[in-house]
PDB file of N, CA and C in Angstrom:
ATOM      1  N   MET A   1      69.648   7.748  50.633  1.00  0.00           N
ATOM      2  CA  MET A   1      69.317   7.802  52.053  1.00  0.00           C
ATOM      3  C   MET A   1      69.753   9.158  52.607  1.00  0.00           C
ATOM      4  N   TRP A   2      68.961   9.739  53.482  1.00  0.00           N
ATOM      5  CA  TRP A   2      69.287  11.047  54.045  1.00  0.00           C
ATOM      6  C   TRP A   2      69.865  10.898  55.437  1.00  0.00           C
ATOM      7  N   ARG A   3      70.621  11.888  55.839  1.00  0.00           N
ATOM      8  CA  ARG A   3      71.270  11.874  57.150  1.00  0.00           C
ATOM      9  C   ARG A   3      70.778  13.047  57.969  1.00  0.00           C
ATOM     10  N   LEU A   4      70.748  12.850  59.270  1.00  0.00           N
ATOM     11  CA  LEU A   4      70.303  13.894  60.182  1.00  0.00           C
ATOM     12  C   LEU A   4      71.503  14.666  60.711  1.00  0.00           C
ATOM     13  N   ASP A   5      71.336  15.981  60.850  1.00  0.00           N
ATOM     14  CA  ASP A   5      72.386  16.761  61.485  1.00  0.00           C
ATOM     15  C   ASP A   5      72.304  16.550  63.002  1.00  0.00           C
ATOM     16  N   GLU A   6      73.251  17.074  63.722  1.00  0.00           N
ATOM     17  CA  GLU A   6      73.327  16.833  65.171  1.00  0.00           C
ATOM     18  C   GLU A   6      72.100  17.354  65.912  1.00  0.00           C
ATOM     19  N   ARG A   7      71.594  18.512  65.514  1.00  0.00           N
ATOM     20  CA  ARG A   7      70.417  19.082  66.185  1.00  0.00           C
ATOM     21  C   ARG A   7      69.197  18.177  65.999  1.00  0.00           C
ATOM     22  N   ALA A   8      68.997  17.688  64.786  1.00  0.00           N
ATOM     23  CA  ALA A   8      67.870  16.797  64.514  1.00  0.00           C
ATOM     24  C   ALA A   8      68.000  15.503  65.307  1.00  0.00           C
ATOM     25  N   LYS A   9      69.216  14.998  65.433  1.00  0.00           N
ATOM     26  CA  LYS A   9      69.427  13.785  66.225  1.00  0.00           C
ATOM     27  C   LYS A   9      69.036  14.017  67.679  1.00  0.00           C
ATOM     28  N   ARG A  10      69.409  15.192  68.207  1.00  0.00           N
ATOM     29  CA  ARG A  10      69.052  15.506  69.596  1.00  0.00           C
ATOM     30  C   ARG A  10      67.541  15.639  69.763  1.00  0.00           C
ATOM     31  N   LYS A  11      66.855  16.201  68.761  1.00  0.00           N
ATOM     32  CA  LYS A  11      65.403  16.344  68.826  1.00  0.00           C
ATOM     33  C   LYS A  11      64.724  14.977  68.851  1.00  0.00           C
ATOM     34  N   TYR A  12      65.170  14.082  67.993  1.00  0.00           N
ATOM     35  CA  TYR A  12      64.587  12.738  67.968  1.00  0.00           C
ATOM     36  C   TYR A  12      64.890  11.978  69.258  1.00  0.00           C
ATOM     37  N   ALA A  13      66.084  12.172  69.806  1.00  0.00           N
ATOM     38  CA  ALA A  13      66.430  11.513  71.068  1.00  0.00           C
ATOM     39  C   ALA A  13      65.547  12.033  72.193  1.00  0.00           C
ATOM     40  N   ALA A  14      65.277  13.332  72.219  1.00  0.00           N
ATOM     41  CA  ALA A  14      64.393  13.908  73.240  1.00  0.00           C
ATOM     42  C   ALA A  14      62.970  13.374  73.072  1.00  0.00           C
ATOM     43  N   ALA A  15      62.510  13.269  71.840  1.00  0.00           N
ATOM     44  CA  ALA A  15      61.178  12.719  71.582  1.00  0.00           C
ATOM     45  C   ALA A  15      61.083  11.288  72.091  1.00  0.00           C
ATOM     46  N   GLU A  16      62.134  10.531  71.913  1.00  0.00           N
ATOM     47  CA  GLU A  16      62.149   9.146  72.395  1.00  0.00           C
ATOM     48  C   GLU A  16      62.101   9.108  73.922  1.00  0.00           C
ATOM     49  N   ARG A  17      62.836  10.009  74.583  1.00  0.00           N
ATOM     50  CA  ARG A  17      62.829  10.053  76.055  1.00  0.00           C
ATOM     51  C   ARG A  17      61.427  10.311  76.600  1.00  0.00           C
ATOM     52  N   TYR A  18      60.647  11.118  75.895  1.00  0.00           N
ATOM     53  CA  TYR A  18      59.294  11.446  76.351  1.00  0.00           C
ATOM     54  C   TYR A  18      58.228  10.508  75.796  1.00  0.00           C
ATOM     55  N   GLY A  19      58.646   9.464  75.105  1.00  0.00           N
ATOM     56  CA  GLY A  19      57.694   8.485  74.579  1.00  0.00           C
ATOM     57  C   GLY A  19      56.901   8.982  73.385  1.00  0.00           C
ATOM     58  N   LEU A  20      57.461   9.899  72.622  1.00  0.00           N
ATOM     59  CA  LEU A  20      56.753  10.499  71.494  1.00  0.00           C
ATOM     60  C   LEU A  20      57.286  10.040  70.139  1.00  0.00           C
ATOM     61  N   LYS A  21      58.271   9.184  70.141  1.00  0.00           N
ATOM     62  CA  LYS A  21      58.937   8.811  68.891  1.00  0.00           C
ATOM     63  C   LYS A  21      57.990   8.115  67.918  1.00  0.00           C
ATOM     64  N   GLU A  22      57.161   7.198  68.389  1.00  0.00           N
ATOM     65  CA  GLU A  22      56.240   6.478  67.506  1.00  0.00           C
ATOM     66  C   GLU A  22      55.280   7.443  66.820  1.00  0.00           C
ATOM     67  N   ARG A  23      54.681   8.347  67.594  1.00  0.00           N
ATOM     68  CA  ARG A  23      53.747   9.315  67.022  1.00  0.00           C
ATOM     69  C   ARG A  23      54.483  10.243  66.050  1.00  0.00           C
ATOM     70  N   LEU A  24      55.691  10.611  66.404  1.00  0.00           N
ATOM     71  CA  LEU A  24      56.492  11.483  65.552  1.00  0.00           C
ATOM     72  C   LEU A  24      56.787  10.816  64.215  1.00  0.00           C
ATOM     73  N   LEU A  25      57.143   9.547  64.237  1.00  0.00           N
ATOM     74  CA  LEU A  25      57.443   8.830  63.003  1.00  0.00           C
ATOM     75  C   LEU A  25      56.198   8.628  62.144  1.00  0.00           C
ATOM     76  N   GLN A  26      55.035   8.470  62.778  1.00  0.00           N
ATOM     77  CA  GLN A  26      53.794   8.254  62.040  1.00  0.00           C
ATOM     78  C   GLN A  26      53.216   9.551  61.484  1.00  0.00           C
ATOM     79  N   GLU A  27      53.201  10.609  62.305  1.00  0.00           N
ATOM     80  CA  GLU A  27      52.497  11.832  61.936  1.00  0.00           C
ATOM     81  C   GLU A  27      53.413  13.007  61.609  1.00  0.00           C
ATOM     82  N   GLY A  28      54.685  12.905  61.956  1.00  0.00           N
ATOM     83  CA  GLY A  28      55.610  14.004  61.718  1.00  0.00           C
ATOM     84  C   GLY A  28      55.531  15.031  62.843  1.00  0.00           C
ATOM     85  N   TRP A  29      56.345  16.082  62.721  1.00  0.00           N
ATOM     86  CA  TRP A  29      56.398  17.097  63.772  1.00  0.00           C
ATOM     87  C   TRP A  29      55.074  17.825  63.921  1.00  0.00           C
ATOM     88  N   ALA A  30      54.318  17.968  62.840  1.00  0.00           N
ATOM     89  CA  ALA A  30      53.036  18.669  62.902  1.00  0.00           C
ATOM     90  C   ALA A  30      52.000  17.876  63.701  1.00  0.00           C
ATOM     91  N   GLY A  31      52.223  16.592  63.901  1.00  0.00           N
ATOM     92  CA  GLY A  31      51.296  15.760  64.644  1.00  0.00           C
ATOM     93  C   GLY A  31      51.446  15.879  66.152  1.00  0.00           C
ATOM     94  N   LEU A  32      52.471  16.559  66.614  1.00  0.00           N
ATOM     95  CA  LEU A  32      52.680  16.735  68.049  1.00  0.00           C
ATOM     96  C   LEU A  32      51.937  17.968  68.536  1.00  0.00           C
ATOM     97  N   SER A  33      51.492  17.908  69.774  1.00  0.00           N
ATOM     98  CA  SER A  33      50.831  19.071  70.354  1.00  0.00           C
ATOM     99  C   SER A  33      51.870  20.138  70.692  1.00  0.00           C
ATOM    100  N   ALA A  34      51.396  21.338  70.934  1.00  0.00           N
ATOM    101  CA  ALA A  34      52.298  22.429  71.311  1.00  0.00           C
ATOM    102  C   ALA A  34      53.004  22.094  72.623  1.00  0.00           C
ATOM    103  N   LYS A  35      52.300  21.439  73.529  1.00  0.00           N
ATOM    104  CA  LYS A  35      52.879  21.054  74.807  1.00  0.00           C
ATOM    105  C   LYS A  35      54.038  20.074  74.606  1.00  0.00           C
ATOM    106  N   ASP A  36      53.821  19.072  73.758  1.00  0.00           N
ATOM    107  CA  ASP A  36      54.872  18.084  73.498  1.00  0.00           C
ATOM    108  C   ASP A  36      56.064  18.710  72.778  1.00  0.00           C
ATOM    109  N   SER A  37      55.793  19.569  71.797  1.00  0.00           N
ATOM    110  CA  SER A  37      56.879  20.247  71.086  1.00  0.00           C
ATOM    111  C   SER A  37      57.676  21.133  72.033  1.00  0.00           C
ATOM    112  N   GLY A  38      56.977  21.818  72.921  1.00  0.00           N
ATOM    113  CA  GLY A  38      57.651  22.668  73.900  1.00  0.00           C
ATOM    114  C   GLY A  38      58.490  21.871  74.869  1.00  0.00           C
ATOM    115  N   ARG A  39      58.005  20.704  75.229  1.00  0.00           N
ATOM    116  CA  ARG A  39      58.763  19.832  76.122  1.00  0.00           C
ATOM    117  C   ARG A  39      60.082  19.417  75.475  1.00  0.00           C
ATOM    118  N   ILE A  40      60.025  19.074  74.194  1.00  0.00           N
ATOM    119  CA  ILE A  40      61.235  18.691  73.463  1.00  0.00           C
ATOM    120  C   ILE A  40      62.173  19.885  73.337  1.00  0.00           C
ATOM    121  N   GLY A  41      61.641  21.022  72.925  1.00  0.00           N
ATOM    122  CA  GLY A  41      62.467  22.222  72.780  1.00  0.00           C
ATOM    123  C   GLY A  41      63.081  22.661  74.093  1.00  0.00           C
ATOM    124  N   GLY A  42      62.308  22.562  75.160  1.00  0.00           N
ATOM    125  CA  GLY A  42      62.822  22.933  76.472  1.00  0.00           C
ATOM    126  C   GLY A  42      63.948  22.036  76.926  1.00  0.00           C
ATOM    127  N   SER A  43      63.843  20.748  76.627  1.00  0.00           N
ATOM    128  CA  SER A  43      64.912  19.841  77.035  1.00  0.00           C
ATOM    129  C   SER A  43      66.185  20.109  76.240  1.00  0.00           C
ATOM    130  N   LEU A  44      66.045  20.526  74.974  1.00  0.00           N
ATOM    131  CA  LEU A  44      67.225  20.861  74.174  1.00  0.00           C
ATOM    132  C   LEU A  44      67.891  22.113  74.710  1.00  0.00           C
ATOM    133  N   LYS A  45      67.086  23.088  75.090  1.00  0.00           N
ATOM    134  CA  LYS A  45      67.637  24.339  75.619  1.00  0.00           C
ATOM    135  C   LYS A  45      68.334  24.090  76.958  1.00  0.00           C
ATOM    136  N   THR A  46      67.726  23.289  77.791  1.00  0.00           N
ATOM    137  CA  THR A  46      68.300  22.974  79.102  1.00  0.00           C
ATOM    138  C   THR A  46      69.662  22.288  78.945  1.00  0.00           C
ATOM    139  N   LYS A  47      69.734  21.326  78.043  1.00  0.00           N
ATOM    140  CA  LYS A  47      70.999  20.616  77.823  1.00  0.00           C
ATOM    141  C   LYS A  47      72.044  21.561  77.244  1.00  0.00           C
ATOM    142  N   LYS A  48      71.623  22.482  76.367  1.00  0.00           N
ATOM    143  CA  LYS A  48      72.561  23.422  75.775  1.00  0.00           C
ATOM    144  C   LYS A  48      73.123  24.362  76.846  1.00  0.00           C
ATOM    145  N   GLU A  49      72.278  24.813  77.756  1.00  0.00           N
ATOM    146  CA  GLU A  49      72.736  25.707  78.828  1.00  0.00           C
ATOM    147  C   GLU A  49      73.685  24.996  79.785  1.00  0.00           C
ATOM    148  N   LYS A  50      73.463  23.710  80.015  1.00  0.00           N
ATOM    149  CA  LYS A  50      74.322  22.955  80.919  1.00  0.00           C
ATOM    150  C   LYS A  50      75.716  22.763  80.348  1.00  0.00           C
ATOM    151  N   THR A  51      75.833  22.741  79.020  1.00  0.00           N
ATOM    152  CA  THR A  51      77.142  22.523  78.400  1.00  0.00           C
ATOM    153  C   THR A  51      77.967  23.797  78.332  1.00  0.00           C
ATOM    154  N   ARG A  52      77.384  24.937  78.605  1.00  0.00           N
ATOM    155  CA  ARG A  52      78.132  26.196  78.540  1.00  0.00           C
ATOM    156  C   ARG A  52      79.039  26.357  79.704  1.00  0.00           C
TER     157      ARG A  52
END
């Protein structure tokens, strides 16, 4: 069984918040649109800036 690092866990949690987890699990990261991927990446960056 494989384990996720902290960054991957945050990415999956963000995908779940935006309702993308099912599609992500079925199609993988390549199955998401650029808009959806950017939304996830943007939320990670925003949270990282808030913790500084």
